[in-house]
Amino acid sequence: MTIRTATLNHVVTIEIARPEKKNALTQAMYTAMAEALIAATADASVRAVLITGQPGIFTSGNDIEDFMQRPPSGTISGGET
């Protein structure tokens, strides 16, 4: 997994840790980040959430290769996918 979480002093840090791809996000990473945010929201002791990347880059955006392997299904407002 390329999403790391840690809690210190009531702050949850969610780190995007995929420097070899400039922290490009995959669908699995979006799922992991969502799960980490849900867990942080459910924890009454958490006061803040910090989302960060590896040194030198936050994220380059989506990993297009990963997203093309599993294109979304259904419709988008105004058309079909």
PDB file of N, CA and C in Angstrom:
ATOM      1  N   MET A   1       0.854  -1.186   0.000  1.00  0.00           N
ATOM      2  CA  MET A   1       0.000   0.000   0.000  1.00  0.00           C
ATOM      3  C   MET A   1       0.890   1.235   0.000  1.00  0.00           C
ATOM      4  N   THR A   2       0.448   2.261  -0.623  1.00  0.00           N
ATOM      5  CA  THR A   2       1.251   3.473  -0.737  1.00  0.00           C
ATOM      6  C   THR A   2       0.635   4.660  -0.001  1.00  0.00           C
ATOM      7  N   ILE A   3      -0.278   4.358   0.901  1.00  0.00           N
ATOM      8  CA  ILE A   3      -0.827   5.379   1.796  1.00  0.00           C
ATOM      9  C   ILE A   3      -0.443   4.964   3.209  1.00  0.00           C
ATOM     10  N   ARG A   4       0.222   5.861   3.913  1.00  0.00           N
ATOM     11  CA  ARG A   4       0.630   5.592   5.299  1.00  0.00           C
ATOM     12  C   ARG A   4      -0.142   6.525   6.216  1.00  0.00           C
ATOM     13  N   THR A   5      -0.516   6.009   7.375  1.00  0.00           N
ATOM     14  CA  THR A   5      -1.188   6.850   8.361  1.00  0.00           C
ATOM     15  C   THR A   5      -0.471   6.747   9.696  1.00  0.00           C
ATOM     16  N   ALA A   6      -0.522   7.834  10.421  1.00  0.00           N
ATOM     17  CA  ALA A   6       0.053   7.879  11.766  1.00  0.00           C
ATOM     18  C   ALA A   6      -0.730   8.903  12.568  1.00  0.00           C
ATOM     19  N   THR A   7      -0.806   8.689  13.868  1.00  0.00           N
ATOM     20  CA  THR A   7      -1.480   9.634  14.756  1.00  0.00           C
ATOM     21  C   THR A   7      -0.506  10.068  15.835  1.00  0.00           C
ATOM     22  N   LEU A   8      -0.402  11.376  16.018  1.00  0.00           N
ATOM     23  CA  LEU A   8       0.470  11.945  17.038  1.00  0.00           C
ATOM     24  C   LEU A   8      -0.152  13.238  17.536  1.00  0.00           C
ATOM     25  N   ASN A   9      -0.301  13.353  18.836  1.00  0.00           N
ATOM     26  CA  ASN A   9      -0.844  14.572  19.453  1.00  0.00           C
ATOM     27  C   ASN A   9      -2.185  14.984  18.854  1.00  0.00           C
ATOM     28  N   HIS A  10      -3.073  14.022  18.676  1.00  0.00           N
ATOM     29  CA  HIS A  10      -4.431  14.252  18.181  1.00  0.00           C
ATOM     30  C   HIS A  10      -4.487  14.664  16.713  1.00  0.00           C
ATOM     31  N   VAL A  11      -3.396  14.473  15.980  1.00  0.00           N
ATOM     32  CA  VAL A  11      -3.354  14.795  14.550  1.00  0.00           C
ATOM     33  C   VAL A  11      -3.087  13.508  13.774  1.00  0.00           C
ATOM     34  N   VAL A  12      -3.973  13.200  12.830  1.00  0.00           N
ATOM     35  CA  VAL A  12      -3.767  12.063  11.944  1.00  0.00           C
ATOM     36  C   VAL A  12      -3.050  12.580  10.702  1.00  0.00           C
ATOM     37  N   THR A  13      -1.925  11.954  10.389  1.00  0.00           N
ATOM     38  CA  THR A  13      -1.201  12.284   9.167  1.00  0.00           C
ATOM     39  C   THR A  13      -1.438  11.171   8.163  1.00  0.00           C
ATOM     40  N   ILE A  14      -1.902  11.560   6.980  1.00  0.00           N
ATOM     41  CA  ILE A  14      -2.082  10.631   5.869  1.00  0.00           C
ATOM     42  C   ILE A  14      -1.016  10.996   4.844  1.00  0.00           C
ATOM     43  N   GLU A  15      -0.097  10.065   4.617  1.00  0.00           N
ATOM     44  CA  GLU A  15       1.030  10.349   3.722  1.00  0.00           C
ATOM     45  C   GLU A  15       0.892   9.569   2.418  1.00  0.00           C
ATOM     46  N   ILE A  16       0.976  10.280   1.306  1.00  0.00           N
ATOM     47  CA  ILE A  16       1.016   9.654  -0.014  1.00  0.00           C
ATOM     48  C   ILE A  16       2.470   9.253  -0.238  1.00  0.00           C
ATOM     49  N   ALA A  17       2.732   7.955  -0.314  1.00  0.00           N
ATOM     50  CA  ALA A  17       4.111   7.458  -0.331  1.00  0.00           C
ATOM     51  C   ALA A  17       4.366   6.607  -1.574  1.00  0.00           C
ATOM     52  N   ARG A  18       4.433   7.264  -2.692  1.00  0.00           N
ATOM     53  CA  ARG A  18       4.719   6.578  -3.953  1.00  0.00           C
ATOM     54  C   ARG A  18       5.664   7.449  -4.789  1.00  0.00           C
ATOM     55  N   PRO A  19       6.844   7.742  -4.263  1.00  0.00           N
ATOM     56  CA  PRO A  19       7.742   8.697  -4.917  1.00  0.00           C
ATOM     57  C   PRO A  19       8.227   8.257  -6.294  1.00  0.00           C
ATOM     58  N   GLU A  20       8.288   6.945  -6.530  1.00  0.00           N
ATOM     59  CA  GLU A  20       8.760   6.472  -7.836  1.00  0.00           C
ATOM     60  C   GLU A  20       7.824   6.875  -8.974  1.00  0.00           C
ATOM     61  N   LYS A  21       6.568   7.210  -8.645  1.00  0.00           N
ATOM     62  CA  LYS A  21       5.580   7.673  -9.625  1.00  0.00           C
ATOM     63  C   LYS A  21       5.122   9.093  -9.306  1.00  0.00           C
ATOM     64  N   LYS A  22       5.972   9.829  -8.606  1.00  0.00           N
ATOM     65  CA  LYS A  22       5.661  11.205  -8.196  1.00  0.00           C
ATOM     66  C   LYS A  22       4.327  11.283  -7.443  1.00  0.00           C
ATOM     67  N   ASN A  23       4.079  10.241  -6.639  1.00  0.00           N
ATOM     68  CA  ASN A  23       2.881  10.151  -5.802  1.00  0.00           C
ATOM     69  C   ASN A  23       1.582  10.167  -6.609  1.00  0.00           C
ATOM     70  N   ALA A  24       1.632   9.653  -7.846  1.00  0.00           N
ATOM     71  CA  ALA A  24       0.417   9.543  -8.655  1.00  0.00           C
ATOM     72  C   ALA A  24      -0.570   8.626  -7.931  1.00  0.00           C
ATOM     73  N   LEU A  25      -1.828   9.030  -7.897  1.00  0.00           N
ATOM     74  CA  LEU A  25      -2.852   8.325  -7.133  1.00  0.00           C
ATOM     75  C   LEU A  25      -3.531   7.238  -7.956  1.00  0.00           C
ATOM     76  N   THR A  26      -3.650   6.058  -7.359  1.00  0.00           N
ATOM     77  CA  THR A  26      -4.389   4.950  -7.966  1.00  0.00           C
ATOM     78  C   THR A  26      -5.762   4.869  -7.309  1.00  0.00           C
ATOM     79  N   GLN A  27      -6.627   4.057  -7.900  1.00  0.00           N
ATOM     80  CA  GLN A  27      -7.947   3.874  -7.296  1.00  0.00           C
ATOM     81  C   GLN A  27      -7.826   3.265  -5.906  1.00  0.00           C
ATOM     82  N   ALA A  28      -6.892   2.337  -5.722  1.00  0.00           N
ATOM     83  CA  ALA A  28      -6.685   1.730  -4.400  1.00  0.00           C
ATOM     84  C   ALA A  28      -6.227   2.772  -3.384  1.00  0.00           C
ATOM     85  N   MET A  29      -5.420   3.721  -3.836  1.00  0.00           N
ATOM     86  CA  MET A  29      -4.956   4.782  -2.932  1.00  0.00           C
ATOM     87  C   MET A  29      -6.109   5.696  -2.533  1.00  0.00           C
ATOM     88  N   TYR A  30      -7.003   6.020  -3.482  1.00  0.00           N
ATOM     89  CA  TYR A  30      -8.183   6.815  -3.136  1.00  0.00           C
ATOM     90  C   TYR A  30      -9.017   6.091  -2.085  1.00  0.00           C
ATOM     91  N   THR A  31      -9.179   4.780  -2.250  1.00  0.00           N
ATOM     92  CA  THR A  31      -9.939   3.990  -1.281  1.00  0.00           C
ATOM     93  C   THR A  31      -9.267   4.022   0.086  1.00  0.00           C
ATOM     94  N   ALA A  32      -7.955   3.837   0.113  1.00  0.00           N
ATOM     95  CA  ALA A  32      -7.219   3.855   1.382  1.00  0.00           C
ATOM     96  C   ALA A  32      -7.313   5.216   2.058  1.00  0.00           C
ATOM     97  N   MET A  33      -7.230   6.288   1.276  1.00  0.00           N
ATOM     98  CA  MET A  33      -7.347   7.629   1.857  1.00  0.00           C
ATOM     99  C   MET A  33      -8.747   7.854   2.419  1.00  0.00           C
ATOM    100  N   ALA A  34      -9.766   7.405   1.695  1.00  0.00           N
ATOM    101  CA  ALA A  34     -11.141   7.555   2.176  1.00  0.00           C
ATOM    102  C   ALA A  34     -11.340   6.787   3.477  1.00  0.00           C
ATOM    103  N   GLU A  35     -10.813   5.577   3.542  1.00  0.00           N
ATOM    104  CA  GLU A  35     -10.930   4.779   4.768  1.00  0.00           C
ATOM    105  C   GLU A  35     -10.208   5.448   5.932  1.00  0.00           C
ATOM    106  N   ALA A  36      -9.050   6.031   5.667  1.00  0.00           N
ATOM    107  CA  ALA A  36      -8.310   6.731   6.726  1.00  0.00           C
ATOM    108  C   ALA A  36      -9.083   7.952   7.210  1.00  0.00           C
ATOM    109  N   LEU A  37      -9.710   8.664   6.294  1.00  0.00           N
ATOM    110  CA  LEU A  37     -10.504   9.838   6.682  1.00  0.00           C
ATOM    111  C   LEU A  37     -11.741   9.431   7.481  1.00  0.00           C
ATOM    112  N   ILE A  38     -12.380   8.344   7.080  1.00  0.00           N
ATOM    113  CA  ILE A  38     -13.544   7.851   7.824  1.00  0.00           C
ATOM    114  C   ILE A  38     -13.132   7.455   9.238  1.00  0.00           C
ATOM    115  N   ALA A  39     -12.008   6.759   9.368  1.00  0.00           N
ATOM    116  CA  ALA A  39     -11.518   6.355  10.690  1.00  0.00           C
ATOM    117  C   ALA A  39     -11.182   7.571  11.543  1.00  0.00           C
ATOM    118  N   ALA A  40     -10.564   8.578  10.943  1.00  0.00           N
ATOM    119  CA  ALA A  40     -10.219   9.793  11.693  1.00  0.00           C
ATOM    120  C   ALA A  40     -11.475  10.522  12.154  1.00  0.00           C
ATOM    121  N   THR A  41     -12.480  10.551  11.310  1.00  0.00           N
ATOM    122  CA  THR A  41     -13.742  11.210  11.659  1.00  0.00           C
ATOM    123  C   THR A  41     -14.434  10.496  12.815  1.00  0.00           C
ATOM    124  N   ALA A  42     -14.318   9.179  12.847  1.00  0.00           N
ATOM    125  CA  ALA A  42     -14.971   8.391  13.893  1.00  0.00           C
ATOM    126  C   ALA A  42     -14.243   8.454  15.232  1.00  0.00           C
ATOM    127  N   ASP A  43     -13.013   8.920  15.233  1.00  0.00           N
ATOM    128  CA  ASP A  43     -12.201   8.980  16.453  1.00  0.00           C
ATOM    129  C   ASP A  43     -12.349  10.359  17.097  1.00  0.00           C
ATOM    130  N   ALA A  44     -13.042  10.415  18.220  1.00  0.00           N
ATOM    131  CA  ALA A  44     -13.307  11.693  18.888  1.00  0.00           C
ATOM    132  C   ALA A  44     -12.042  12.385  19.382  1.00  0.00           C
ATOM    133  N   SER A  45     -10.950  11.655  19.525  1.00  0.00           N
ATOM    134  CA  SER A  45      -9.715  12.276  20.007  1.00  0.00           C
ATOM    135  C   SER A  45      -8.950  13.012  18.903  1.00  0.00           C
ATOM    136  N   VAL A  46      -9.308  12.765  17.657  1.00  0.00           N
ATOM    137  CA  VAL A  46      -8.615  13.411  16.531  1.00  0.00           C
ATOM    138  C   VAL A  46      -9.113  14.843  16.382  1.00  0.00           C
ATOM    139  N   ARG A  47      -8.167  15.765  16.339  1.00  0.00           N
ATOM    140  CA  ARG A  47      -8.496  17.190  16.209  1.00  0.00           C
ATOM    141  C   ARG A  47      -8.197  17.748  14.824  1.00  0.00           C
ATOM    142  N   ALA A  48      -7.320  17.062  14.080  1.00  0.00           N
ATOM    143  CA  ALA A  48      -6.951  17.546  12.744  1.00  0.00           C
ATOM    144  C   ALA A  48      -6.445  16.382  11.905  1.00  0.00           C
ATOM    145  N   VAL A  49      -6.541  16.553  10.591  1.00  0.00           N
ATOM    146  CA  VAL A  49      -5.994  15.587   9.642  1.00  0.00           C
ATOM    147  C   VAL A  49      -5.069  16.348   8.709  1.00  0.00           C
ATOM    148  N   LEU A  50      -3.864  15.824   8.531  1.00  0.00           N
ATOM    149  CA  LEU A  50      -2.868  16.410   7.638  1.00  0.00           C
ATOM    150  C   LEU A  50      -2.623  15.423   6.507  1.00  0.00           C
ATOM    151  N   ILE A  51      -2.832  15.872   5.270  1.00  0.00           N
ATOM    152  CA  ILE A  51      -2.535  15.038   4.108  1.00  0.00           C
ATOM    153  C   ILE A  51      -1.266  15.589   3.479  1.00  0.00           C
ATOM    154  N   THR A  52      -0.273  14.716   3.330  1.00  0.00           N
ATOM    155  CA  THR A  52       1.031  15.145   2.833  1.00  0.00           C
ATOM    156  C   THR A  52       1.570  14.121   1.839  1.00  0.00           C
ATOM    157  N   GLY A  53       2.596  14.535   1.093  1.00  0.00           N
ATOM    158  CA  GLY A  53       3.260  13.636   0.152  1.00  0.00           C
ATOM    159  C   GLY A  53       4.692  13.413   0.568  1.00  0.00           C
ATOM    160  N   GLN A  54       5.398  12.621  -0.211  1.00  0.00           N
ATOM    161  CA  GLN A  54       6.821  12.406   0.012  1.00  0.00           C
ATOM    162  C   GLN A  54       7.568  13.707  -0.250  1.00  0.00           C
ATOM    163  N   PRO A  55       8.751  13.871   0.321  1.00  0.00           N
ATOM    164  CA  PRO A  55       9.514  15.103   0.110  1.00  0.00           C
ATOM    165  C   PRO A  55       9.703  15.415  -1.375  1.00  0.00           C
ATOM    166  N   GLY A  56       9.460  16.665  -1.717  1.00  0.00           N
ATOM    167  CA  GLY A  56       9.676  17.127  -3.076  1.00  0.00           C
ATOM    168  C   GLY A  56       8.435  17.211  -3.938  1.00  0.00           C
ATOM    169  N   ILE A  57       7.380  16.461  -3.583  1.00  0.00           N
ATOM    170  CA  ILE A  57       6.149  16.527  -4.378  1.00  0.00           C
ATOM    171  C   ILE A  57       4.966  16.077  -3.524  1.00  0.00           C
ATOM    172  N   PHE A  58       3.861  16.794  -3.670  1.00  0.00           N
ATOM    173  CA  PHE A  58       2.633  16.376  -2.995  1.00  0.00           C
ATOM    174  C   PHE A  58       2.026  15.223  -3.788  1.00  0.00           C
ATOM    175  N   THR A  59       1.587  15.493  -5.013  1.00  0.00           N
ATOM    176  CA  THR A  59       1.090  14.458  -5.918  1.00  0.00           C
ATOM    177  C   THR A  59       1.079  15.006  -7.333  1.00  0.00           C
ATOM    178  N   SER A  60       1.297  14.121  -8.284  1.00  0.00           N
ATOM    179  CA  SER A  60       1.237  14.523  -9.688  1.00  0.00           C
ATOM    180  C   SER A  60      -0.168  14.351 -10.251  1.00  0.00           C
ATOM    181  N   GLY A  61      -1.097  13.866  -9.432  1.00  0.00           N
ATOM    182  CA  GLY A  61      -2.477  13.661  -9.885  1.00  0.00           C
ATOM    183  C   GLY A  61      -2.784  12.176  -9.981  1.00  0.00           C
ATOM    184  N   ASN A  62      -3.697  11.844 -10.874  1.00  0.00           N
ATOM    185  CA  ASN A  62      -4.100  10.449 -11.033  1.00  0.00           C
ATOM    186  C   ASN A  62      -3.076   9.656 -11.831  1.00  0.00           C
ATOM    187  N   ASP A  63      -2.947   8.372 -11.493  1.00  0.00           N
ATOM    188  CA  ASP A  63      -2.144   7.444 -12.279  1.00  0.00           C
ATOM    189  C   ASP A  63      -3.027   6.989 -13.438  1.00  0.00           C
ATOM    190  N   ILE A  64      -2.816   7.585 -14.604  1.00  0.00           N
ATOM    191  CA  ILE A  64      -3.682   7.337 -15.755  1.00  0.00           C
ATOM    192  C   ILE A  64      -3.684   5.861 -16.147  1.00  0.00           C
ATOM    193  N   GLU A  65      -2.527   5.207 -16.105  1.00  0.00           N
ATOM    194  CA  GLU A  65      -2.468   3.785 -16.454  1.00  0.00           C
ATOM    195  C   GLU A  65      -3.388   2.957 -15.563  1.00  0.00           C
ATOM    196  N   ASP A  66      -3.378   3.232 -14.268  1.00  0.00           N
ATOM    197  CA  ASP A  66      -4.238   2.508 -13.335  1.00  0.00           C
ATOM    198  C   ASP A  66      -5.706   2.771 -13.641  1.00  0.00           C
ATOM    199  N   PHE A  67      -6.067   4.014 -13.892  1.00  0.00           N
ATOM    200  CA  PHE A  67      -7.462   4.353 -14.137  1.00  0.00           C
ATOM    201  C   PHE A  67      -7.959   3.780 -15.462  1.00  0.00           C
ATOM    202  N   MET A  68      -7.095   3.663 -16.459  1.00  0.00           N
ATOM    203  CA  MET A  68      -7.505   3.105 -17.749  1.00  0.00           C
ATOM    204  C   MET A  68      -7.717   1.593 -17.668  1.00  0.00           C
ATOM    205  N   GLN A  69      -7.090   0.938 -16.714  1.00  0.00           N
ATOM    206  CA  GLN A  69      -7.292  -0.498 -16.536  1.00  0.00           C
ATOM    207  C   GLN A  69      -8.685  -0.804 -16.014  1.00  0.00           C
ATOM    208  N   ARG A  70      -9.265   0.135 -15.284  1.00  0.00           N
ATOM    209  CA  ARG A  70     -10.599  -0.043 -14.703  1.00  0.00           C
ATOM    210  C   ARG A  70     -11.413   1.216 -14.943  1.00  0.00           C
ATOM    211  N   PRO A  71     -11.841   1.441 -16.179  1.00  0.00           N
ATOM    212  CA  PRO A  71     -12.606   2.662 -16.426  1.00  0.00           C
ATOM    213  C   PRO A  71     -13.918   2.647 -15.646  1.00  0.00           C
ATOM    214  N   PRO A  72     -14.387   3.821 -15.253  1.00  0.00           N
ATOM    215  CA  PRO A  72     -15.645   3.891 -14.503  1.00  0.00           C
ATOM    216  C   PRO A  72     -16.814   3.437 -15.364  1.00  0.00           C
ATOM    217  N   SER A  73     -17.831   2.910 -14.713  1.00  0.00           N
ATOM    218  CA  SER A  73     -19.035   2.505 -15.428  1.00  0.00           C
ATOM    219  C   SER A  73     -20.173   3.422 -15.026  1.00  0.00           C
ATOM    220  N   GLY A  74     -21.253   3.373 -15.792  1.00  0.00           N
ATOM    221  CA  GLY A  74     -22.394   4.214 -15.479  1.00  0.00           C
ATOM    222  C   GLY A  74     -22.401   5.473 -16.314  1.00  0.00           C
ATOM    223  N   THR A  75     -23.158   6.432 -15.855  1.00  0.00           N
ATOM    224  CA  THR A  75     -23.269   7.680 -16.608  1.00  0.00           C
ATOM    225  C   THR A  75     -22.765   8.842 -15.783  1.00  0.00           C
ATOM    226  N   ILE A  76     -22.351   9.832 -16.496  1.00  0.00           N
ATOM    227  CA  ILE A  76     -21.951  11.095 -15.894  1.00  0.00           C
ATOM    228  C   ILE A  76     -22.953  12.128 -16.366  1.00  0.00           C
ATOM    229  N   SER A  77     -23.280  13.076 -15.542  1.00  0.00           N
ATOM    230  CA  SER A  77     -24.247  14.103 -15.895  1.00  0.00           C
ATOM    231  C   SER A  77     -23.978  14.630 -17.299  1.00  0.00           C
ATOM    232  N   GLY A  78     -24.960  14.481 -18.176  1.00  0.00           N
ATOM    233  CA  GLY A  78     -24.822  15.001 -19.528  1.00  0.00           C
ATOM    234  C   GLY A  78     -24.368  13.973 -20.545  1.00  0.00           C
ATOM    235  N   GLY A  79     -24.111  12.742 -20.135  1.00  0.00           N
ATOM    236  CA  GLY A  79     -23.670  11.763 -21.122  1.00  0.00           C
ATOM    237  C   GLY A  79     -23.366  10.420 -20.515  1.00  0.00           C
ATOM    238  N   GLU A  80     -22.890   9.529 -21.364  1.00  0.00           N
ATOM    239  CA  GLU A  80     -22.523   8.188 -20.928  1.00  0.00           C
ATOM    240  C   GLU A  80     -21.024   8.047 -20.901  1.00  0.00           C
ATOM    241  N   THR A  81     -20.557   7.078 -20.113  1.00  0.00           N
ATOM    242  CA  THR A  81     -19.118   6.804 -20.084  1.00  0.00           C
ATOM    243  C   THR A  81     -18.824   5.566 -20.882  1.00  0.00           C
TER     244      THR A  81
END
